[in-house]
Amino acid sequence: MLTRQNVHAAVPTWRYLYNTSLPAFLPPSLTWLRKYHGVEYYLFFTAPDDPRHTPQTRELARFVRAAWARFIRDPVGGPGWPGAGVGAGGVVDNVAVLGDAGEKKGMGATVVSVATPDARCAMFQGVLDGIAG
C-alpha cells in the first residue's frame, strides 16, 4: 500500500526482503532466531573478511554495501535493482530478495513478484490499512 502511494506521488521507491541467516554472529543461545528484522545490520557493521562469514554471506555483504553506496550517491537511480513504478497494468511493484530466494542461494538481489513476499505479511494488512487511514 505504501509503495503504491509513493509511486502515485512520483517518489522513487525500492523494496527488499533480506532472507539469509547469520547464526555465527549470534551468541549460541540465540541462533534459533535465524532470519529476523535487523539481522542484515551485521553485513554493515562487520568487515566482509570477518571469519564468521560464509563465502555466501561474505559476497552478500559486499553486494549489499555496494547497493547502499549506489543509493546514497544517487537516490533517484536506486540501489541497483528495478524499483516500483507504473506499468501498463498499473503499479509494478518489484521486490529484491537479498540472499536466499527459494532454492537459489543468493549472494545478491533476485527480483521477484510482489505477491511472493507480501503473502508472508498478509496477517499485518489490517494494521497497515489502519495506519494508512
Foldseek 3Di string as FASTA:
>chain_A
DVQQVCQVVVHWFAAEAEQFFQLLVDDPVPSVVGDDPPRCVCLVPPQLVPVSDDPLSSLLSVQVVQLVVVCVVPVNVHSPDDAWYQDPVGIFHWYWYRADDVPDGHSYTDIDGPCVVVVVVVVCVVVVVVVVD
